[in-house]
Amino acid sequence: MTTSLMNLKILLPFRVFDQTSGVLRIVAESSEGSFGLLPQRLDCVTALVPGILVYETQTDGEVFVAIDEGILVKTGSDVSISVRQAIGGTDPAMLRQSVEREFRTLDKSERDVRAVMTKLETGFINRFARLQHDG
């Protein structure tokens, strides 16, 4: 009995990070924990959290990719993973450190930007309310 293999495509906002055929299995992380995909699994869609994606091919063995949050879509033998950032490597421990360092820094930067935007919006609304009250 022949087993069909999966085609994996990892997409970033402005480019294709990786495109691999002949994938035997994929392990990813969602908010519910780690889960695995095999070629016969039913089609699915799931949100991914920052973590280490692992996939295996007969030629390359296990491949590790640190990914940011995103989404995974499996349709037949095609698996598409769309994430904001990805970092390839061979050492899972180093990739885990990269995830924590790179993606946490981004989250802190995003929080800082949101705080500034909130202050700007609040100031604008207060000035507009004063203008309406005085007029």
N, C-alpha and C. Protein backbone atom coordinates (compact mmCIF):
# COMPACT_ATOMS: atom_id res chain seq x y z
N MET A 1 0.84 -1.18 0.00
CA MET A 1 0.00 0.00 0.00
C MET A 1 0.89 1.24 0.00
N THR A 2 0.65 2.17 -0.92
CA THR A 2 1.44 3.39 -0.99
C THR A 2 0.78 4.48 -0.18
N THR A 3 1.58 5.26 0.49
CA THR A 3 1.09 6.35 1.32
C THR A 3 1.40 7.66 0.62
N SER A 4 0.38 8.50 0.48
CA SER A 4 0.65 9.82 -0.10
C SER A 4 1.36 10.67 0.95
N LEU A 5 2.23 11.52 0.49
CA LEU A 5 2.96 12.41 1.39
C LEU A 5 2.40 13.81 1.26
N MET A 6 2.76 14.67 2.19
CA MET A 6 2.22 16.03 2.21
C MET A 6 3.16 17.01 1.53
N ASN A 7 2.57 18.09 1.06
CA ASN A 7 3.31 19.24 0.51
C ASN A 7 3.15 20.37 1.51
N LEU A 8 4.25 20.91 2.00
CA LEU A 8 4.21 21.96 3.02
C LEU A 8 4.70 23.27 2.43
N LYS A 9 3.94 24.33 2.70
CA LYS A 9 4.35 25.67 2.29
C LYS A 9 4.23 26.58 3.51
N ILE A 10 5.35 27.24 3.87
CA ILE A 10 5.37 28.19 4.99
C ILE A 10 5.44 29.58 4.38
N LEU A 11 4.40 30.37 4.63
CA LEU A 11 4.28 31.69 4.04
C LEU A 11 4.49 32.79 5.07
N LEU A 12 5.27 33.79 4.68
CA LEU A 12 5.45 35.01 5.47
C LEU A 12 4.66 36.11 4.77
N PRO A 13 4.47 37.27 5.39
CA PRO A 13 3.67 38.32 4.76
C PRO A 13 4.13 38.72 3.35
N PHE A 14 5.44 38.68 3.08
CA PHE A 14 5.91 39.18 1.79
C PHE A 14 6.73 38.17 0.99
N ARG A 15 6.77 36.92 1.44
CA ARG A 15 7.53 35.93 0.68
C ARG A 15 7.20 34.52 1.16
N VAL A 16 7.63 33.54 0.37
CA VAL A 16 7.52 32.14 0.75
C VAL A 16 8.79 31.78 1.51
N PHE A 17 8.65 31.39 2.77
CA PHE A 17 9.81 31.03 3.60
C PHE A 17 10.35 29.65 3.22
N ASP A 18 9.44 28.69 3.01
CA ASP A 18 9.86 27.32 2.70
C ASP A 18 8.74 26.63 1.93
N GLN A 19 9.14 25.80 0.99
CA GLN A 19 8.19 25.00 0.24
C GLN A 19 8.82 23.61 0.08
N THR A 20 8.19 22.60 0.66
CA THR A 20 8.76 21.26 0.70
C THR A 20 7.70 20.23 0.33
N SER A 21 8.08 19.29 -0.50
CA SER A 21 7.19 18.17 -0.81
C SER A 21 7.76 16.92 -0.18
N GLY A 22 6.96 15.87 -0.13
CA GLY A 22 7.42 14.61 0.47
C GLY A 22 7.49 14.64 1.98
N VAL A 23 6.60 15.41 2.61
CA VAL A 23 6.60 15.53 4.07
C VAL A 23 5.84 14.36 4.69
N LEU A 24 6.50 13.65 5.60
CA LEU A 24 5.93 12.49 6.27
C LEU A 24 5.00 12.87 7.42
N ARG A 25 5.44 13.88 8.21
CA ARG A 25 4.64 14.30 9.38
C ARG A 25 4.99 15.74 9.72
N ILE A 26 4.06 16.39 10.42
CA ILE A 26 4.24 17.77 10.86
C ILE A 26 3.78 17.84 12.31
N VAL A 27 4.55 18.53 13.15
CA VAL A 27 4.15 18.78 14.53
C VAL A 27 4.18 20.29 14.74
N ALA A 28 3.07 20.86 15.22
CA ALA A 28 2.95 22.30 15.45
C ALA A 28 2.32 22.55 16.80
N GLU A 29 2.27 23.82 17.20
CA GLU A 29 1.71 24.19 18.50
C GLU A 29 0.52 25.12 18.32
N SER A 30 -0.59 24.78 18.98
CA SER A 30 -1.76 25.66 19.03
C SER A 30 -1.95 26.08 20.48
N SER A 31 -2.97 26.87 20.74
CA SER A 31 -3.23 27.30 22.12
C SER A 31 -3.63 26.11 22.99
N GLU A 32 -4.05 25.02 22.38
CA GLU A 32 -4.44 23.82 23.12
C GLU A 32 -3.26 22.88 23.37
N GLY A 33 -2.08 23.18 22.78
CA GLY A 33 -0.91 22.33 22.94
C GLY A 33 -0.41 21.84 21.59
N SER A 34 0.58 20.96 21.63
CA SER A 34 1.17 20.42 20.40
C SER A 34 0.22 19.41 19.76
N PHE A 35 0.27 19.33 18.44
CA PHE A 35 -0.53 18.35 17.71
C PHE A 35 0.26 17.92 16.48
N GLY A 36 -0.07 16.76 15.96
CA GLY A 36 0.63 16.23 14.81
C GLY A 36 -0.30 16.05 13.62
N LEU A 37 0.28 16.14 12.44
CA LEU A 37 -0.44 15.90 11.19
C LEU A 37 0.25 14.79 10.43
N LEU A 38 -0.53 13.84 9.97
CA LEU A 38 -0.06 12.79 9.08
C LEU A 38 -0.81 12.94 7.76
N PRO A 39 -0.30 12.37 6.68
CA PRO A 39 -0.93 12.56 5.37
C PRO A 39 -2.42 12.17 5.32
N GLN A 40 -2.83 11.16 6.08
CA GLN A 40 -4.22 10.71 6.02
C GLN A 40 -5.18 11.52 6.88
N ARG A 41 -4.68 12.46 7.64
CA ARG A 41 -5.55 13.24 8.52
C ARG A 41 -6.58 14.01 7.71
N LEU A 42 -7.76 14.19 8.29
CA LEU A 42 -8.80 14.96 7.63
C LEU A 42 -8.37 16.42 7.50
N ASP A 43 -8.97 17.12 6.56
CA ASP A 43 -8.68 18.54 6.37
C ASP A 43 -9.01 19.31 7.64
N CYS A 44 -8.23 20.35 7.90
CA CYS A 44 -8.44 21.13 9.12
C CYS A 44 -7.85 22.52 8.98
N VAL A 45 -8.26 23.39 9.89
CA VAL A 45 -7.72 24.74 10.02
C VAL A 45 -7.51 24.97 11.51
N THR A 46 -6.35 25.52 11.88
CA THR A 46 -6.09 25.82 13.29
C THR A 46 -5.19 27.03 13.42
N ALA A 47 -5.40 27.77 14.50
CA ALA A 47 -4.54 28.92 14.81
C ALA A 47 -3.30 28.40 15.52
N LEU A 48 -2.16 28.95 15.14
CA LEU A 48 -0.88 28.55 15.74
C LEU A 48 -0.38 29.63 16.70
N VAL A 49 0.33 29.21 17.72
CA VAL A 49 0.97 30.13 18.66
C VAL A 49 2.47 30.11 18.39
N PRO A 50 3.21 31.12 18.86
CA PRO A 50 4.66 31.09 18.67
C PRO A 50 5.25 29.81 19.27
N GLY A 51 6.12 29.17 18.51
CA GLY A 51 6.72 27.94 18.98
C GLY A 51 7.60 27.31 17.91
N ILE A 52 7.89 26.04 18.08
CA ILE A 52 8.76 25.31 17.16
C ILE A 52 7.88 24.39 16.31
N LEU A 53 7.97 24.56 15.00
CA LEU A 53 7.32 23.68 14.04
C LEU A 53 8.34 22.62 13.65
N VAL A 54 7.92 21.37 13.62
CA VAL A 54 8.80 20.28 13.22
C VAL A 54 8.12 19.57 12.06
N TYR A 55 8.89 19.34 10.99
CA TYR A 55 8.39 18.47 9.94
C TYR A 55 9.48 17.51 9.52
N GLU A 56 9.07 16.37 8.97
CA GLU A 56 10.02 15.33 8.63
C GLU A 56 9.84 14.89 7.18
N THR A 57 10.98 14.76 6.49
CA THR A 57 10.98 14.20 5.14
C THR A 57 11.96 13.02 5.12
N GLN A 58 11.81 12.17 4.13
CA GLN A 58 12.73 11.02 4.04
C GLN A 58 14.15 11.48 3.74
N THR A 59 14.31 12.55 2.95
CA THR A 59 15.65 12.99 2.56
C THR A 59 16.33 13.86 3.61
N ASP A 60 15.57 14.78 4.26
CA ASP A 60 16.17 15.72 5.21
C ASP A 60 16.03 15.31 6.66
N GLY A 61 15.22 14.33 6.96
CA GLY A 61 14.95 13.97 8.35
C GLY A 61 14.09 15.05 9.00
N GLU A 62 14.30 15.30 10.29
CA GLU A 62 13.53 16.32 11.00
C GLU A 62 14.09 17.70 10.71
N VAL A 63 13.18 18.62 10.42
CA VAL A 63 13.54 20.02 10.18
C VAL A 63 12.79 20.86 11.21
N PHE A 64 13.49 21.82 11.82
CA PHE A 64 12.92 22.66 12.87
C PHE A 64 12.82 24.10 12.38
N VAL A 65 11.66 24.72 12.65
CA VAL A 65 11.45 26.12 12.27
C VAL A 65 10.76 26.82 13.43
N ALA A 66 11.35 27.91 13.91
CA ALA A 66 10.70 28.74 14.92
C ALA A 66 9.69 29.62 14.19
N ILE A 67 8.46 29.60 14.65
CA ILE A 67 7.42 30.40 13.99
C ILE A 67 6.71 31.30 14.99
N ASP A 68 6.22 32.41 14.46
CA ASP A 68 5.39 33.33 15.22
C ASP A 68 3.95 32.84 15.10
N GLU A 69 3.02 33.56 15.70
CA GLU A 69 1.62 33.16 15.59
C GLU A 69 1.15 33.21 14.14
N GLY A 70 0.18 32.37 13.84
CA GLY A 70 -0.33 32.32 12.48
C GLY A 70 -1.45 31.31 12.35
N ILE A 71 -1.58 30.78 11.14
CA ILE A 71 -2.67 29.83 10.88
C ILE A 71 -2.16 28.69 10.02
N LEU A 72 -2.68 27.50 10.28
CA LEU A 72 -2.35 26.31 9.50
C LEU A 72 -3.62 25.83 8.82
N VAL A 73 -3.51 25.52 7.52
CA VAL A 73 -4.63 25.00 6.75
C VAL A 73 -4.17 23.72 6.06
N LYS A 74 -4.87 22.60 6.31
CA LYS A 74 -4.60 21.34 5.62
C LYS A 74 -5.76 21.05 4.70
N THR A 75 -5.45 20.90 3.41
CA THR A 75 -6.44 20.56 2.40
C THR A 75 -5.89 19.43 1.57
N GLY A 76 -6.42 18.24 1.75
CA GLY A 76 -5.88 17.08 1.04
C GLY A 76 -4.45 16.84 1.48
N SER A 77 -3.53 16.78 0.51
CA SER A 77 -2.13 16.56 0.85
C SER A 77 -1.35 17.87 0.98
N ASP A 78 -2.03 19.01 0.81
CA ASP A 78 -1.37 20.32 0.90
C ASP A 78 -1.58 20.94 2.28
N VAL A 79 -0.47 21.39 2.87
CA VAL A 79 -0.52 22.08 4.16
C VAL A 79 0.12 23.45 3.97
N SER A 80 -0.65 24.49 4.25
CA SER A 80 -0.14 25.86 4.19
C SER A 80 -0.10 26.43 5.59
N ILE A 81 1.02 27.02 5.93
CA ILE A 81 1.19 27.67 7.22
C ILE A 81 1.54 29.12 6.94
N SER A 82 0.72 30.02 7.43
CA SER A 82 0.94 31.44 7.22
C SER A 82 1.24 32.09 8.57
N VAL A 83 2.46 32.66 8.69
CA VAL A 83 2.91 33.26 9.95
C VAL A 83 3.55 34.61 9.68
N ARG A 84 3.68 35.42 10.73
CA ARG A 84 4.33 36.73 10.59
C ARG A 84 5.83 36.62 10.44
N GLN A 85 6.45 35.69 11.18
CA GLN A 85 7.90 35.52 11.16
C GLN A 85 8.25 34.04 11.27
N ALA A 86 9.41 33.68 10.71
CA ALA A 86 9.91 32.31 10.84
C ALA A 86 11.44 32.36 10.85
N ILE A 87 12.03 31.46 11.62
CA ILE A 87 13.49 31.35 11.71
C ILE A 87 13.83 29.87 11.60
N GLY A 88 14.68 29.52 10.64
CA GLY A 88 15.09 28.13 10.47
C GLY A 88 16.32 27.83 11.28
N GLY A 89 16.55 26.56 11.58
CA GLY A 89 17.73 26.16 12.32
C GLY A 89 17.75 24.67 12.55
N THR A 90 18.84 24.19 13.13
CA THR A 90 18.98 22.76 13.39
C THR A 90 18.92 22.41 14.87
N ASP A 91 19.08 23.40 15.75
CA ASP A 91 19.09 23.14 17.18
C ASP A 91 17.79 23.65 17.80
N PRO A 92 16.90 22.74 18.22
CA PRO A 92 15.62 23.16 18.80
C PRO A 92 15.75 24.07 20.02
N ALA A 93 16.76 23.84 20.85
CA ALA A 93 16.95 24.67 22.05
C ALA A 93 17.27 26.12 21.66
N MET A 94 18.15 26.29 20.68
CA MET A 94 18.49 27.64 20.21
C MET A 94 17.28 28.30 19.56
N LEU A 95 16.50 27.53 18.81
CA LEU A 95 15.29 28.09 18.19
C LEU A 95 14.28 28.51 19.25
N ARG A 96 14.15 27.73 20.31
CA ARG A 96 13.22 28.07 21.40
C ARG A 96 13.63 29.40 22.02
N GLN A 97 14.94 29.60 22.22
CA GLN A 97 15.42 30.87 22.75
C GLN A 97 15.11 32.01 21.78
N SER A 98 15.26 31.76 20.49
CA SER A 98 14.95 32.77 19.48
C SER A 98 13.48 33.15 19.53
N VAL A 99 12.62 32.15 19.68
CA VAL A 99 11.18 32.42 19.77
C VAL A 99 10.91 33.33 20.94
N GLU A 100 11.45 32.99 22.10
CA GLU A 100 11.19 33.77 23.30
C GLU A 100 11.78 35.18 23.19
N ARG A 101 12.99 35.29 22.64
CA ARG A 101 13.66 36.59 22.53
C ARG A 101 13.01 37.46 21.45
N GLU A 102 12.88 36.94 20.24
CA GLU A 102 12.39 37.73 19.10
C GLU A 102 10.90 38.06 19.21
N PHE A 103 10.09 37.05 19.50
CA PHE A 103 8.66 37.26 19.46
C PHE A 103 8.14 37.97 20.70
N ARG A 104 8.80 37.79 21.85
CA ARG A 104 8.41 38.56 23.04
C ARG A 104 8.75 40.02 22.86
N THR A 105 9.91 40.32 22.25
CA THR A 105 10.30 41.70 21.99
C THR A 105 9.28 42.37 21.11
N LEU A 106 8.82 41.66 20.07
CA LEU A 106 7.81 42.21 19.18
C LEU A 106 6.53 42.50 19.94
N ASP A 107 6.10 41.56 20.81
CA ASP A 107 4.88 41.78 21.58
C ASP A 107 5.01 43.01 22.47
N LYS A 108 6.18 43.22 23.09
CA LYS A 108 6.40 44.40 23.93
C LYS A 108 6.34 45.66 23.07
N SER A 109 6.94 45.63 21.90
CA SER A 109 6.90 46.78 21.00
C SER A 109 5.47 47.09 20.58
N GLU A 110 4.70 46.06 20.28
CA GLU A 110 3.30 46.26 19.91
C GLU A 110 2.52 46.88 21.06
N ARG A 111 2.77 46.42 22.28
CA ARG A 111 2.06 46.99 23.44
C ARG A 111 2.42 48.46 23.60
N ASP A 112 3.70 48.81 23.41
CA ASP A 112 4.13 50.20 23.53
C ASP A 112 3.45 51.07 22.47
N VAL A 113 3.38 50.58 21.24
CA VAL A 113 2.72 51.33 20.17
C VAL A 113 1.24 51.52 20.48
N ARG A 114 0.59 50.47 20.95
CA ARG A 114 -0.84 50.57 21.29
C ARG A 114 -1.07 51.58 22.42
N ALA A 115 -0.17 51.62 23.41
CA ALA A 115 -0.32 52.57 24.51
C ALA A 115 -0.20 54.00 23.99
N VAL A 116 0.77 54.24 23.09
CA VAL A 116 0.92 55.58 22.51
C VAL A 116 -0.31 55.95 21.70
N MET A 117 -0.80 55.02 20.89
CA MET A 117 -2.00 55.28 20.08
C MET A 117 -3.21 55.59 20.96
N THR A 118 -3.35 54.88 22.07
CA THR A 118 -4.46 55.13 22.99
C THR A 118 -4.37 56.54 23.56
N LYS A 119 -3.17 56.98 23.94
CA LYS A 119 -3.00 58.34 24.46
C LYS A 119 -3.33 59.38 23.40
N LEU A 120 -2.89 59.15 22.17
CA LEU A 120 -3.20 60.08 21.08
C LEU A 120 -4.70 60.16 20.82
N GLU A 121 -5.36 59.01 20.78
CA GLU A 121 -6.80 58.97 20.54
C GLU A 121 -7.56 59.66 21.67
N THR A 122 -7.15 59.39 22.91
CA THR A 122 -7.81 60.02 24.06
C THR A 122 -7.65 61.53 24.02
N GLY A 123 -6.44 62.00 23.70
CA GLY A 123 -6.20 63.44 23.59
C GLY A 123 -7.05 64.06 22.49
N PHE A 124 -7.15 63.41 21.37
CA PHE A 124 -7.96 63.91 20.25
C PHE A 124 -9.43 63.98 20.65
N ILE A 125 -9.95 62.94 21.30
CA ILE A 125 -11.36 62.92 21.70
C ILE A 125 -11.63 64.02 22.72
N ASN A 126 -10.72 64.21 23.69
CA ASN A 126 -10.90 65.26 24.69
C ASN A 126 -10.91 66.65 24.05
N ARG A 127 -9.97 66.92 23.11
CA ARG A 127 -9.95 68.22 22.43
C ARG A 127 -11.21 68.42 21.59
N PHE A 128 -11.65 67.37 20.93
CA PHE A 128 -12.86 67.46 20.12
C PHE A 128 -14.08 67.74 20.99
N ALA A 129 -14.15 67.08 22.15
CA ALA A 129 -15.28 67.30 23.07
C ALA A 129 -15.26 68.74 23.58
N ARG A 130 -14.06 69.29 23.91
CA ARG A 130 -13.97 70.67 24.37
C ARG A 130 -14.41 71.62 23.25
N LEU A 131 -14.00 71.34 22.03
CA LEU A 131 -14.38 72.17 20.89
C LEU A 131 -15.90 72.17 20.71
N GLN A 132 -16.52 71.02 20.85
CA GLN A 132 -17.98 70.91 20.72
C GLN A 132 -18.68 71.66 21.87
N HIS A 133 -18.11 71.58 23.06
CA HIS A 133 -18.70 72.21 24.23
C HIS A 133 -18.59 73.74 24.15
N ASP A 134 -17.42 74.22 23.68
CA ASP A 134 -17.20 75.67 23.56
C ASP A 134 -17.98 76.28 22.40
N GLY A 135 -18.24 75.51 21.36
CA GLY A 135 -18.88 76.02 20.15
C GLY A 135 -20.32 76.07 20.26
